[in-house]
Amino acid sequence: MLMRTHENEILVYYNPASSRAKKVLALARTISKNVKEVEYHKTPFTPTMWQRLLHKLELRPKDMLNRSDAYYQSSIRGRDFDREGWLQILIRNPDLIKGPIVVQGKRAVLCNSPSDIYQL
């Protein structure tokens, strides 16, 4: 559903409390007039949606997580999960996602810094 975007359209999946996400959104609006905003907590992704997105990003679920987060350190660090387990962590803990995810057409990027959006 959310993964399909027109070439002119940019989808930004983000946490509205993040200052980095606000900068990414501002840059996205300079690139395209068609920017869709999807907040982590209002529109959670299903495992299938995550699998498609991770394929576009060429990342593993574990690669998406902020390993310096206190919850990650106390509850996840050092534990081993299968792919489905990591997907469930992403779904249940969207605050652990490192940064905004931007999708345009068939391409996607995890924005560790706002300028990463230009990789699209």
PDB file of N, CA and C in Angstrom:
ATOM      1  N   MET A   1       0.830  -1.183   0.000  1.00  0.00           N
ATOM      2  CA  MET A   1       0.000   0.000   0.000  1.00  0.00           C
ATOM      3  C   MET A   1       0.875   1.248   0.000  1.00  0.00           C
ATOM      4  N   LEU A   2       1.587   1.533   1.065  1.00  0.00           N
ATOM      5  CA  LEU A   2       2.385   2.744   1.162  1.00  0.00           C
ATOM      6  C   LEU A   2       3.674   2.675   0.366  1.00  0.00           C
ATOM      7  N   MET A   3       4.079   1.488  -0.039  1.00  0.00           N
ATOM      8  CA  MET A   3       5.365   1.348  -0.701  1.00  0.00           C
ATOM      9  C   MET A   3       5.335   1.826  -2.142  1.00  0.00           C
ATOM     10  N   ARG A   4       4.184   1.857  -2.751  1.00  0.00           N
ATOM     11  CA  ARG A   4       4.107   2.272  -4.141  1.00  0.00           C
ATOM     12  C   ARG A   4       4.024   3.784  -4.206  1.00  0.00           C
ATOM     13  N   THR A   5       5.000   4.357  -4.853  1.00  0.00           N
ATOM     14  CA  THR A   5       4.984   5.801  -5.030  1.00  0.00           C
ATOM     15  C   THR A   5       5.246   6.119  -6.494  1.00  0.00           C
ATOM     16  N   HIS A   6       4.669   7.189  -6.944  1.00  0.00           N
ATOM     17  CA  HIS A   6       4.910   7.683  -8.292  1.00  0.00           C
ATOM     18  C   HIS A   6       6.311   8.282  -8.312  1.00  0.00           C
ATOM     19  N   GLU A   7       6.940   8.325  -9.471  1.00  0.00           N
ATOM     20  CA  GLU A   7       8.305   8.860  -9.570  1.00  0.00           C
ATOM     21  C   GLU A   7       8.419  10.293  -9.047  1.00  0.00           C
ATOM     22  N   ASN A   8       7.338  11.095  -9.162  1.00  0.00           N
ATOM     23  CA  ASN A   8       7.372  12.492  -8.690  1.00  0.00           C
ATOM     24  C   ASN A   8       7.057  12.603  -7.203  1.00  0.00           C
ATOM     25  N   GLU A   9       6.552  11.544  -6.623  1.00  0.00           N
ATOM     26  CA  GLU A   9       6.081  11.574  -5.245  1.00  0.00           C
ATOM     27  C   GLU A   9       7.157  11.050  -4.294  1.00  0.00           C
ATOM     28  N   ILE A  10       7.257  11.695  -3.153  1.00  0.00           N
ATOM     29  CA  ILE A  10       8.194  11.257  -2.121  1.00  0.00           C
ATOM     30  C   ILE A  10       7.395  10.873  -0.880  1.00  0.00           C
ATOM     31  N   LEU A  11       7.685   9.699  -0.354  1.00  0.00           N
ATOM     32  CA  LEU A  11       7.069   9.223   0.880  1.00  0.00           C
ATOM     33  C   LEU A  11       8.121   9.339   1.974  1.00  0.00           C
ATOM     34  N   VAL A  12       7.759   9.995   3.068  1.00  0.00           N
ATOM     35  CA  VAL A  12       8.671  10.126   4.203  1.00  0.00           C
ATOM     36  C   VAL A  12       8.023   9.446   5.400  1.00  0.00           C
ATOM     37  N   TYR A  13       8.654   8.377   5.867  1.00  0.00           N
ATOM     38  CA  TYR A  13       8.199   7.610   7.026  1.00  0.00           C
ATOM     39  C   TYR A  13       9.063   8.068   8.188  1.00  0.00           C
ATOM     40  N   TYR A  14       8.445   8.662   9.230  1.00  0.00           N
ATOM     41  CA  TYR A  14       9.245   9.364  10.230  1.00  0.00           C
ATOM     42  C   TYR A  14       8.585   9.460  11.606  1.00  0.00           C
ATOM     43  N   ASN A  15       9.393   9.913  12.551  1.00  0.00           N
ATOM     44  CA  ASN A  15       8.939  10.230  13.900  1.00  0.00           C
ATOM     45  C   ASN A  15       8.830  11.758  13.974  1.00  0.00           C
ATOM     46  N   PRO A  16       7.633  12.313  14.196  1.00  0.00           N
ATOM     47  CA  PRO A  16       7.460  13.768  14.186  1.00  0.00           C
ATOM     48  C   PRO A  16       8.223  14.488  15.302  1.00  0.00           C
ATOM     49  N   ALA A  17       8.658  13.771  16.311  1.00  0.00           N
ATOM     50  CA  ALA A  17       9.405  14.403  17.408  1.00  0.00           C
ATOM     51  C   ALA A  17      10.885  14.599  17.055  1.00  0.00           C
ATOM     52  N   SER A  18      11.316  14.038  15.937  1.00  0.00           N
ATOM     53  CA  SER A  18      12.726  14.083  15.552  1.00  0.00           C
ATOM     54  C   SER A  18      13.060  15.362  14.783  1.00  0.00           C
ATOM     55  N   SER A  19      14.094  16.069  15.234  1.00  0.00           N
ATOM     56  CA  SER A  19      14.517  17.271  14.510  1.00  0.00           C
ATOM     57  C   SER A  19      15.104  16.888  13.153  1.00  0.00           C
ATOM     58  N   ARG A  20      15.776  15.744  13.073  1.00  0.00           N
ATOM     59  CA  ARG A  20      16.313  15.275  11.788  1.00  0.00           C
ATOM     60  C   ARG A  20      15.179  15.033  10.800  1.00  0.00           C
ATOM     61  N   ALA A  21      14.078  14.466  11.285  1.00  0.00           N
ATOM     62  CA  ALA A  21      12.933  14.200  10.409  1.00  0.00           C
ATOM     63  C   ALA A  21      12.352  15.504   9.875  1.00  0.00           C
ATOM     64  N   LYS A  22      12.284  16.533  10.696  1.00  0.00           N
ATOM     65  CA  LYS A  22      11.764  17.832  10.236  1.00  0.00           C
ATOM     66  C   LYS A  22      12.643  18.406   9.135  1.00  0.00           C
ATOM     67  N   LYS A  23      13.948  18.238   9.252  1.00  0.00           N
ATOM     68  CA  LYS A  23      14.876  18.724   8.214  1.00  0.00           C
ATOM     69  C   LYS A  23      14.719  17.912   6.935  1.00  0.00           C
ATOM     70  N   VAL A  24      14.552  16.600   7.081  1.00  0.00           N
ATOM     71  CA  VAL A  24      14.361  15.740   5.916  1.00  0.00           C
ATOM     72  C   VAL A  24      13.072  16.121   5.188  1.00  0.00           C
ATOM     73  N   LEU A  25      12.003  16.373   5.945  1.00  0.00           N
ATOM     74  CA  LEU A  25      10.734  16.789   5.333  1.00  0.00           C
ATOM     75  C   LEU A  25      10.905  18.107   4.582  1.00  0.00           C
ATOM     76  N   ALA A  26      11.612  19.050   5.170  1.00  0.00           N
ATOM     77  CA  ALA A  26      11.831  20.340   4.518  1.00  0.00           C
ATOM     78  C   ALA A  26      12.591  20.144   3.198  1.00  0.00           C
ATOM     79  N   LEU A  27      13.615  19.303   3.213  1.00  0.00           N
ATOM     80  CA  LEU A  27      14.370  19.041   1.990  1.00  0.00           C
ATOM     81  C   LEU A  27      13.507  18.310   0.955  1.00  0.00           C
ATOM     82  N   ALA A  28      12.687  17.377   1.415  1.00  0.00           N
ATOM     83  CA  ALA A  28      11.806  16.639   0.502  1.00  0.00           C
ATOM     84  C   ALA A  28      10.873  17.598  -0.227  1.00  0.00           C
ATOM     85  N   ARG A  29      10.386  18.608   0.485  1.00  0.00           N
ATOM     86  CA  ARG A  29       9.471  19.586  -0.128  1.00  0.00           C
ATOM     87  C   ARG A  29      10.179  20.462  -1.153  1.00  0.00           C
ATOM     88  N   THR A  30      11.495  20.596  -1.052  1.00  0.00           N
ATOM     89  CA  THR A  30      12.225  21.357  -2.068  1.00  0.00           C
ATOM     90  C   THR A  30      12.466  20.504  -3.315  1.00  0.00           C
ATOM     91  N   ILE A  31      12.426  19.188  -3.155  1.00  0.00           N
ATOM     92  CA  ILE A  31      12.664  18.264  -4.270  1.00  0.00           C
ATOM     93  C   ILE A  31      11.381  17.989  -5.046  1.00  0.00           C
ATOM     94  N   SER A  32      10.266  17.878  -4.321  1.00  0.00           N
ATOM     95  CA  SER A  32       8.998  17.501  -4.953  1.00  0.00           C
ATOM     96  C   SER A  32       7.830  18.245  -4.308  1.00  0.00           C
ATOM     97  N   LYS A  33       6.839  18.545  -5.128  1.00  0.00           N
ATOM     98  CA  LYS A  33       5.607  19.157  -4.608  1.00  0.00           C
ATOM     99  C   LYS A  33       4.712  18.099  -3.977  1.00  0.00           C
ATOM    100  N   ASN A  34       4.965  16.834  -4.329  1.00  0.00           N
ATOM    101  CA  ASN A  34       4.148  15.720  -3.849  1.00  0.00           C
ATOM    102  C   ASN A  34       4.893  14.940  -2.770  1.00  0.00           C
ATOM    103  N   VAL A  35       4.734  15.372  -1.514  1.00  0.00           N
ATOM    104  CA  VAL A  35       5.379  14.701  -0.396  1.00  0.00           C
ATOM    105  C   VAL A  35       4.297  14.123   0.500  1.00  0.00           C
ATOM    106  N   LYS A  36       4.353  12.812   0.709  1.00  0.00           N
ATOM    107  CA  LYS A  36       3.432  12.143   1.629  1.00  0.00           C
ATOM    108  C   LYS A  36       4.172  11.914   2.932  1.00  0.00           C
ATOM    109  N   GLU A  37       3.559  12.315   4.022  1.00  0.00           N
ATOM    110  CA  GLU A  37       4.152  12.117   5.339  1.00  0.00           C
ATOM    111  C   GLU A  37       3.447  10.960   6.029  1.00  0.00           C
ATOM    112  N   VAL A  38       4.224  10.024   6.549  1.00  0.00           N
ATOM    113  CA  VAL A  38       3.668   8.882   7.267  1.00  0.00           C
ATOM    114  C   VAL A  38       4.394   8.792   8.605  1.00  0.00           C
ATOM    115  N   GLU A  39       3.661   9.028   9.679  1.00  0.00           N
ATOM    116  CA  GLU A  39       4.256   8.963  11.012  1.00  0.00           C
ATOM    117  C   GLU A  39       4.310   7.514  11.487  1.00  0.00           C
ATOM    118  N   TYR A  40       5.459   7.140  12.077  1.00  0.00           N
ATOM    119  CA  TYR A  40       5.666   5.779  12.579  1.00  0.00           C
ATOM    120  C   TYR A  40       4.490   5.269  13.409  1.00  0.00           C
ATOM    121  N   HIS A  41       4.020   6.088  14.332  1.00  0.00           N
ATOM    122  CA  HIS A  41       3.029   5.624  15.304  1.00  0.00           C
ATOM    123  C   HIS A  41       1.599   5.620  14.775  1.00  0.00           C
ATOM    124  N   LYS A  42       1.326   6.422  13.772  1.00  0.00           N
ATOM    125  CA  LYS A  42      -0.029   6.487  13.236  1.00  0.00           C
ATOM    126  C   LYS A  42      -0.289   5.437  12.167  1.00  0.00           C
ATOM    127  N   THR A  43       0.759   5.027  11.459  1.00  0.00           N
ATOM    128  CA  THR A  43       0.617   4.056  10.378  1.00  0.00           C
ATOM    129  C   THR A  43       1.714   3.009  10.483  1.00  0.00           C
ATOM    130  N   PRO A  44       1.550   2.040  11.370  1.00  0.00           N
ATOM    131  CA  PRO A  44       2.586   1.010  11.494  1.00  0.00           C
ATOM    132  C   PRO A  44       2.631   0.123  10.252  1.00  0.00           C
ATOM    133  N   PHE A  45       3.816  -0.305   9.896  1.00  0.00           N
ATOM    134  CA  PHE A  45       3.990  -1.190   8.750  1.00  0.00           C
ATOM    135  C   PHE A  45       3.766  -2.632   9.171  1.00  0.00           C
ATOM    136  N   THR A  46       3.301  -3.438   8.237  1.00  0.00           N
ATOM    137  CA  THR A  46       3.152  -4.875   8.442  1.00  0.00           C
ATOM    138  C   THR A  46       4.501  -5.534   8.141  1.00  0.00           C
ATOM    139  N   PRO A  47       4.677  -6.799   8.527  1.00  0.00           N
ATOM    140  CA  PRO A  47       5.921  -7.490   8.169  1.00  0.00           C
ATOM    141  C   PRO A  47       6.189  -7.484   6.661  1.00  0.00           C
ATOM    142  N   THR A  48       5.152  -7.671   5.854  1.00  0.00           N
ATOM    143  CA  THR A  48       5.323  -7.671   4.402  1.00  0.00           C
ATOM    144  C   THR A  48       5.785  -6.306   3.902  1.00  0.00           C
ATOM    145  N   MET A  49       5.199  -5.255   4.425  1.00  0.00           N
ATOM    146  CA  MET A  49       5.608  -3.901   4.028  1.00  0.00           C
ATOM    147  C   MET A  49       7.065  -3.652   4.411  1.00  0.00           C
ATOM    148  N   TRP A  50       7.448  -4.086   5.616  1.00  0.00           N
ATOM    149  CA  TRP A  50       8.843  -3.935   6.033  1.00  0.00           C
ATOM    150  C   TRP A  50       9.778  -4.721   5.120  1.00  0.00           C
ATOM    151  N   GLN A  51       9.388  -5.940   4.753  1.00  0.00           N
ATOM    152  CA  GLN A  51      10.245  -6.754   3.891  1.00  0.00           C
ATOM    153  C   GLN A  51      10.465  -6.067   2.547  1.00  0.00           C
ATOM    154  N   ARG A  52       9.418  -5.493   1.982  1.00  0.00           N
ATOM    155  CA  ARG A  52       9.555  -4.771   0.709  1.00  0.00           C
ATOM    156  C   ARG A  52      10.456  -3.552   0.871  1.00  0.00           C
ATOM    157  N   LEU A  53      10.245  -2.824   1.946  1.00  0.00           N
ATOM    158  CA  LEU A  53      11.042  -1.625   2.182  1.00  0.00           C
ATOM    159  C   LEU A  53      12.509  -1.974   2.426  1.00  0.00           C
ATOM    160  N   LEU A  54      12.751  -2.988   3.218  1.00  0.00           N
ATOM    161  CA  LEU A  54      14.129  -3.410   3.485  1.00  0.00           C
ATOM    162  C   LEU A  54      14.822  -3.879   2.206  1.00  0.00           C
ATOM    163  N   HIS A  55      14.071  -4.507   1.328  1.00  0.00           N
ATOM    164  CA  HIS A  55      14.637  -4.918   0.037  1.00  0.00           C
ATOM    165  C   HIS A  55      15.068  -3.682  -0.763  1.00  0.00           C
ATOM    166  N   LYS A  56      14.214  -2.654  -0.794  1.00  0.00           N
ATOM    167  CA  LYS A  56      14.564  -1.410  -1.496  1.00  0.00           C
ATOM    168  C   LYS A  56      15.786  -0.744  -0.865  1.00  0.00           C
ATOM    169  N   LEU A  57      15.844  -0.787   0.449  1.00  0.00           N
ATOM    170  CA  LEU A  57      16.953  -0.155   1.165  1.00  0.00           C
ATOM    171  C   LEU A  57      18.242  -0.977   1.098  1.00  0.00           C
ATOM    172  N   GLU A  58      18.089  -2.259   0.770  1.00  0.00           N
ATOM    173  CA  GLU A  58      19.206  -3.212   0.793  1.00  0.00           C
ATOM    174  C   GLU A  58      19.826  -3.290   2.190  1.00  0.00           C
ATOM    175  N   LEU A  59      18.926  -3.361   3.192  1.00  0.00           N
ATOM    176  CA  LEU A  59      19.336  -3.447   4.593  1.00  0.00           C
ATOM    177  C   LEU A  59      18.642  -4.617   5.273  1.00  0.00           C
ATOM    178  N   ARG A  60      19.217  -5.061   6.391  1.00  0.00           N
ATOM    179  CA  ARG A  60      18.584  -6.057   7.250  1.00  0.00           C
ATOM    180  C   ARG A  60      17.773  -5.302   8.308  1.00  0.00           C
ATOM    181  N   PRO A  61      16.768  -5.931   8.908  1.00  0.00           N
ATOM    182  CA  PRO A  61      16.000  -5.244   9.948  1.00  0.00           C
ATOM    183  C   PRO A  61      16.889  -4.679  11.060  1.00  0.00           C
ATOM    184  N   LYS A  62      17.886  -5.437  11.461  1.00  0.00           N
ATOM    185  CA  LYS A  62      18.784  -5.017  12.540  1.00  0.00           C
ATOM    186  C   LYS A  62      19.531  -3.726  12.177  1.00  0.00           C
ATOM    187  N   ASP A  63      19.810  -3.535  10.889  1.00  0.00           N
ATOM    188  CA  ASP A  63      20.526  -2.346  10.430  1.00  0.00           C
ATOM    189  C   ASP A  63      19.719  -1.061  10.630  1.00  0.00           C
ATOM    190  N   MET A  64      18.435  -1.187  10.807  1.00  0.00           N
ATOM    191  CA  MET A  64      17.547  -0.027  10.936  1.00  0.00           C
ATOM    192  C   MET A  64      17.528   0.542  12.362  1.00  0.00           C
ATOM    193  N   LEU A  65      18.045  -0.217  13.311  1.00  0.00           N
ATOM    194  CA  LEU A  65      17.883   0.131  14.714  1.00  0.00           C
ATOM    195  C   LEU A  65      18.997   1.007  15.266  1.00  0.00           C
ATOM    196  N   ASN A  66      18.598   1.943  16.122  1.00  0.00           N
ATOM    197  CA  ASN A  66      19.535   2.809  16.830  1.00  0.00           C
ATOM    198  C   ASN A  66      20.076   2.007  18.019  1.00  0.00           C
ATOM    199  N   ARG A  67      21.287   1.525  17.868  1.00  0.00           N
ATOM    200  CA  ARG A  67      21.864   0.647  18.884  1.00  0.00           C
ATOM    201  C   ARG A  67      22.301   1.383  20.141  1.00  0.00           C
ATOM    202  N   SER A  68      22.344   2.703  20.099  1.00  0.00           N
ATOM    203  CA  SER A  68      22.716   3.462  21.293  1.00  0.00           C
ATOM    204  C   SER A  68      21.498   3.799  22.162  1.00  0.00           C
ATOM    205  N   ASP A  69      20.300   3.497  21.668  1.00  0.00           N
ATOM    206  CA  ASP A  69      19.082   3.760  22.431  1.00  0.00           C
ATOM    207  C   ASP A  69      19.074   2.932  23.718  1.00  0.00           C
ATOM    208  N   ALA A  70      18.589   3.529  24.800  1.00  0.00           N
ATOM    209  CA  ALA A  70      18.570   2.858  26.106  1.00  0.00           C
ATOM    210  C   ALA A  70      17.770   1.547  26.067  1.00  0.00           C
ATOM    211  N   TYR A  71      16.620   1.555  25.390  1.00  0.00           N
ATOM    212  CA  TYR A  71      15.817   0.339  25.315  1.00  0.00           C
ATOM    213  C   TYR A  71      16.567  -0.754  24.551  1.00  0.00           C
ATOM    214  N   TYR A  72      17.208  -0.384  23.455  1.00  0.00           N
ATOM    215  CA  TYR A  72      17.988  -1.363  22.701  1.00  0.00           C
ATOM    216  C   TYR A  72      19.072  -1.958  23.600  1.00  0.00           C
ATOM    217  N   GLN A  73      19.780  -1.095  24.305  1.00  0.00           N
ATOM    218  CA  GLN A  73      20.874  -1.543  25.179  1.00  0.00           C
ATOM    219  C   GLN A  73      20.382  -2.488  26.269  1.00  0.00           C
ATOM    220  N   SER A  74      19.241  -2.183  26.862  1.00  0.00           N
ATOM    221  CA  SER A  74      18.765  -2.988  27.994  1.00  0.00           C
ATOM    222  C   SER A  74      18.001  -4.243  27.588  1.00  0.00           C
ATOM    223  N   SER A  75      17.328  -4.221  26.436  1.00  0.00           N
ATOM    224  CA  SER A  75      16.433  -5.330  26.103  1.00  0.00           C
ATOM    225  C   SER A  75      16.790  -6.128  24.852  1.00  0.00           C
ATOM    226  N   ILE A  76      17.604  -5.561  23.974  1.00  0.00           N
ATOM    227  CA  ILE A  76      17.844  -6.225  22.697  1.00  0.00           C
ATOM    228  C   ILE A  76      19.312  -6.592  22.498  1.00  0.00           C
ATOM    229  N   ARG A  77      20.212  -5.733  22.930  1.00  0.00           N
ATOM    230  CA  ARG A  77      21.639  -5.953  22.706  1.00  0.00           C
ATOM    231  C   ARG A  77      22.070  -7.342  23.181  1.00  0.00           C
ATOM    232  N   GLY A  78      22.839  -8.012  22.335  1.00  0.00           N
ATOM    233  CA  GLY A  78      23.368  -9.323  22.688  1.00  0.00           C
ATOM    234  C   GLY A  78      22.419 -10.477  22.430  1.00  0.00           C
ATOM    235  N   ARG A  79      21.174 -10.173  22.084  1.00  0.00           N
ATOM    236  CA  ARG A  79      20.214 -11.248  21.805  1.00  0.00           C
ATOM    237  C   ARG A  79      20.194 -11.535  20.315  1.00  0.00           C
ATOM    238  N   ASP A  80      19.872 -12.762  19.980  1.00  0.00           N
ATOM    239  CA  ASP A  80      19.838 -13.166  18.583  1.00  0.00           C
ATOM    240  C   ASP A  80      18.391 -13.454  18.190  1.00  0.00           C
ATOM    241  N   PHE A  81      17.967 -12.883  17.096  1.00  0.00           N
ATOM    242  CA  PHE A  81      16.609 -13.089  16.597  1.00  0.00           C
ATOM    243  C   PHE A  81      16.693 -13.547  15.144  1.00  0.00           C
ATOM    244  N   ASP A  82      15.671 -14.270  14.704  1.00  0.00           N
ATOM    245  CA  ASP A  82      15.585 -14.581  13.280  1.00  0.00           C
ATOM    246  C   ASP A  82      14.992 -13.361  12.573  1.00  0.00           C
ATOM    247  N   ARG A  83      14.898 -13.417  11.263  1.00  0.00           N
ATOM    248  CA  ARG A  83      14.414 -12.253  10.498  1.00  0.00           C
ATOM    249  C   ARG A  83      13.032 -11.805  10.977  1.00  0.00           C
ATOM    250  N   GLU A  84      12.144 -12.755  11.218  1.00  0.00           N
ATOM    251  CA  GLU A  84      10.789 -12.424  11.683  1.00  0.00           C
ATOM    252  C   GLU A  84      10.846 -11.722  13.040  1.00  0.00           C
ATOM    253  N   GLY A  85      11.720 -12.171  13.908  1.00  0.00           N
ATOM    254  CA  GLY A  85      11.881 -11.536  15.212  1.00  0.00           C
ATOM    255  C   GLY A  85      12.339 -10.094  15.091  1.00  0.00           C
ATOM    256  N   TRP A  86      13.311  -9.844  14.199  1.00  0.00           N
ATOM    257  CA  TRP A  86      13.777  -8.470  13.975  1.00  0.00           C
ATOM    258  C   TRP A  86      12.674  -7.602  13.382  1.00  0.00           C
ATOM    259  N   LEU A  87      11.874  -8.179  12.481  1.00  0.00           N
ATOM    260  CA  LEU A  87      10.750  -7.424  11.909  1.00  0.00           C
ATOM    261  C   LEU A  87       9.753  -7.037  13.003  1.00  0.00           C
ATOM    262  N   GLN A  88       9.497  -7.953  13.927  1.00  0.00           N
ATOM    263  CA  GLN A  88       8.577  -7.644  15.027  1.00  0.00           C
ATOM    264  C   GLN A  88       9.130  -6.528  15.922  1.00  0.00           C
ATOM    265  N   ILE A  89      10.431  -6.508  16.112  1.00  0.00           N
ATOM    266  CA  ILE A  89      11.045  -5.428  16.893  1.00  0.00           C
ATOM    267  C   ILE A  89      10.809  -4.097  16.193  1.00  0.00           C
ATOM    268  N   LEU A  90      10.987  -4.050  14.873  1.00  0.00           N
ATOM    269  CA  LEU A  90      10.729  -2.818  14.126  1.00  0.00           C
ATOM    270  C   LEU A  90       9.269  -2.379  14.257  1.00  0.00           C
ATOM    271  N   ILE A  91       8.360  -3.330  14.131  1.00  0.00           N
ATOM    272  CA  ILE A  91       6.929  -3.019  14.184  1.00  0.00           C
ATOM    273  C   ILE A  91       6.520  -2.519  15.571  1.00  0.00           C
ATOM    274  N   ARG A  92       7.014  -3.175  16.609  1.00  0.00           N
ATOM    275  CA  ARG A  92       6.604  -2.840  17.983  1.00  0.00           C
ATOM    276  C   ARG A  92       7.373  -1.672  18.589  1.00  0.00           C
ATOM    277  N   ASN A  93       8.524  -1.339  18.010  1.00  0.00           N
ATOM    278  CA  ASN A  93       9.387  -0.294  18.573  1.00  0.00           C
ATOM    279  C   ASN A  93       9.844   0.685  17.503  1.00  0.00           C
ATOM    280  N   PRO A  94       8.920   1.388  16.863  1.00  0.00           N
ATOM    281  CA  PRO A  94       9.325   2.294  15.784  1.00  0.00           C
ATOM    282  C   PRO A  94      10.262   3.414  16.253  1.00  0.00           C
ATOM    283  N   ASP A  95      10.271   3.712  17.544  1.00  0.00           N
ATOM    284  CA  ASP A  95      11.174   4.742  18.059  1.00  0.00           C
ATOM    285  C   ASP A  95      12.640   4.319  17.944  1.00  0.00           C
ATOM    286  N   LEU A  96      12.891   3.023  17.757  1.00  0.00           N
ATOM    287  CA  LEU A  96      14.263   2.539  17.627  1.00  0.00           C
ATOM    288  C   LEU A  96      14.836   2.741  16.220  1.00  0.00           C
ATOM    289  N   ILE A  97      13.986   3.106  15.265  1.00  0.00           N
ATOM    290  CA  ILE A  97      14.464   3.295  13.895  1.00  0.00           C
ATOM    291  C   ILE A  97      15.402   4.499  13.869  1.00  0.00           C
ATOM    292  N   LYS A  98      16.579   4.306  13.267  1.00  0.00           N
ATOM    293  CA  LYS A  98      17.652   5.307  13.274  1.00  0.00           C
ATOM    294  C   LYS A  98      17.248   6.677  12.765  1.00  0.00           C
ATOM    295  N   GLY A  99      16.444   6.717  11.739  1.00  0.00           N
ATOM    296  CA  GLY A  99      16.105   8.003  11.143  1.00  0.00           C
ATOM    297  C   GLY A  99      14.944   7.866  10.184  1.00  0.00           C
ATOM    298  N   PRO A 100      14.558   8.972   9.572  1.00  0.00           N
ATOM    299  CA  PRO A 100      13.456   8.925   8.607  1.00  0.00           C
ATOM    300  C   PRO A 100      13.822   8.051   7.407  1.00  0.00           C
ATOM    301  N   ILE A 101      12.809   7.436   6.846  1.00  0.00           N
ATOM    302  CA  ILE A 101      12.981   6.619   5.651  1.00  0.00           C
ATOM    303  C   ILE A 101      12.259   7.341   4.523  1.00  0.00           C
ATOM    304  N   VAL A 102      12.961   7.537   3.420  1.00  0.00           N
ATOM    305  CA  VAL A 102      12.394   8.261   2.285  1.00  0.00           C
ATOM    306  C   VAL A 102      12.331   7.321   1.092  1.00  0.00           C
ATOM    307  N   VAL A 103      11.146   7.287   0.455  1.00  0.00           N
ATOM    308  CA  VAL A 103      10.919   6.421  -0.699  1.00  0.00           C
ATOM    309  C   VAL A 103      10.472   7.286  -1.868  1.00  0.00           C
ATOM    310  N   GLN A 104      11.084   7.043  -3.021  1.00  0.00           N
ATOM    311  CA  GLN A 104      10.658   7.696  -4.255  1.00  0.00           C
ATOM    312  C   GLN A 104      10.750   6.670  -5.368  1.00  0.00           C
ATOM    313  N   GLY A 105       9.600   6.347  -5.943  1.00  0.00           N
ATOM    314  CA  GLY A 105       9.581   5.338  -6.997  1.00  0.00           C
ATOM    315  C   GLY A 105      10.086   4.005  -6.482  1.00  0.00           C
ATOM    316  N   LYS A 106      11.109   3.460  -7.128  1.00  0.00           N
ATOM    317  CA  LYS A 106      11.651   2.163  -6.750  1.00  0.00           C
ATOM    318  C   LYS A 106      12.840   2.292  -5.804  1.00  0.00           C
ATOM    319  N   ARG A 107      13.161   3.513  -5.407  1.00  0.00           N
ATOM    320  CA  ARG A 107      14.330   3.744  -4.559  1.00  0.00           C
ATOM    321  C   ARG A 107      13.915   4.158  -3.157  1.00  0.00           C
ATOM    322  N   ALA A 108      14.778   3.854  -2.200  1.00  0.00           N
ATOM    323  CA  ALA A 108      14.531   4.228  -0.806  1.00  0.00           C
ATOM    324  C   ALA A 108      15.868   4.491  -0.126  1.00  0.00           C
ATOM    325  N   VAL A 109      15.841   5.343   0.897  1.00  0.00           N
ATOM    326  CA  VAL A 109      17.052   5.634   1.662  1.00  0.00           C
ATOM    327  C   VAL A 109      16.679   5.866   3.126  1.00  0.00           C
ATOM    328  N   LEU A 110      17.514   5.347   4.010  1.00  0.00           N
ATOM    329  CA  LEU A 110      17.416   5.620   5.441  1.00  0.00           C
ATOM    330  C   LEU A 110      18.267   6.858   5.677  1.00  0.00           C
ATOM    331  N   CYS A 111      17.657   7.933   6.139  1.00  0.00           N
ATOM    332  CA  CYS A 111      18.355   9.210   6.288  1.00  0.00           C
ATOM    333  C   CYS A 111      19.019   9.324   7.655  1.00  0.00           C
ATOM    334  N   ASN A 112      20.283   8.917   7.719  1.00  0.00           N
ATOM    335  CA  ASN A 112      21.054   9.094   8.945  1.00  0.00           C
ATOM    336  C   ASN A 112      21.416  10.561   9.129  1.00  0.00           C
ATOM    337  N   SER A 113      21.455  11.299   8.033  1.00  0.00           N
ATOM    338  CA  SER A 113      21.593  12.750   8.079  1.00  0.00           C
ATOM    339  C   SER A 113      20.621  13.305   7.036  1.00  0.00           C
ATOM    340  N   PRO A 114      20.117  14.525   7.220  1.00  0.00           N
ATOM    341  CA  PRO A 114      19.135  15.070   6.288  1.00  0.00           C
ATOM    342  C   PRO A 114      19.598  15.047   4.831  1.00  0.00           C
ATOM    343  N   SER A 115      20.886  15.283   4.589  1.00  0.00           N
ATOM    344  CA  SER A 115      21.382  15.322   3.209  1.00  0.00           C
ATOM    345  C   SER A 115      21.338  13.956   2.523  1.00  0.00           C
ATOM    346  N   ASP A 116      21.143  12.881   3.269  1.00  0.00           N
ATOM    347  CA  ASP A 116      21.036  11.551   2.663  1.00  0.00           C
ATOM    348  C   ASP A 116      19.869  11.457   1.675  1.00  0.00           C
ATOM    349  N   ILE A 117      18.901  12.349   1.803  1.00  0.00           N
ATOM    350  CA  ILE A 117      17.750  12.339   0.886  1.00  0.00           C
ATOM    351  C   ILE A 117      18.212  12.541  -0.550  1.00  0.00           C
ATOM    352  N   TYR A 118      19.330  13.200  -0.750  1.00  0.00           N
ATOM    353  CA  TYR A 118      19.839  13.452  -2.097  1.00  0.00           C
ATOM    354  C   TYR A 118      20.360  12.185  -2.772  1.00  0.00           C
ATOM    355  N   GLN A 119      20.458  11.083  -2.033  1.00  0.00           N
ATOM    356  CA  GLN A 119      20.846   9.803  -2.633  1.00  0.00           C
ATOM    357  C   GLN A 119      19.742   9.248  -3.549  1.00  0.00           C
ATOM    358  N   LEU A 120      18.542   9.801  -3.400  1.00  0.00           N
ATOM    359  CA  LEU A 120      17.455   9.370  -4.272  1.00  0.00           C
ATOM    360  C   LEU A 120      17.698   9.899  -5.667  1.00  0.00           C
TER     361      LEU A 120
END
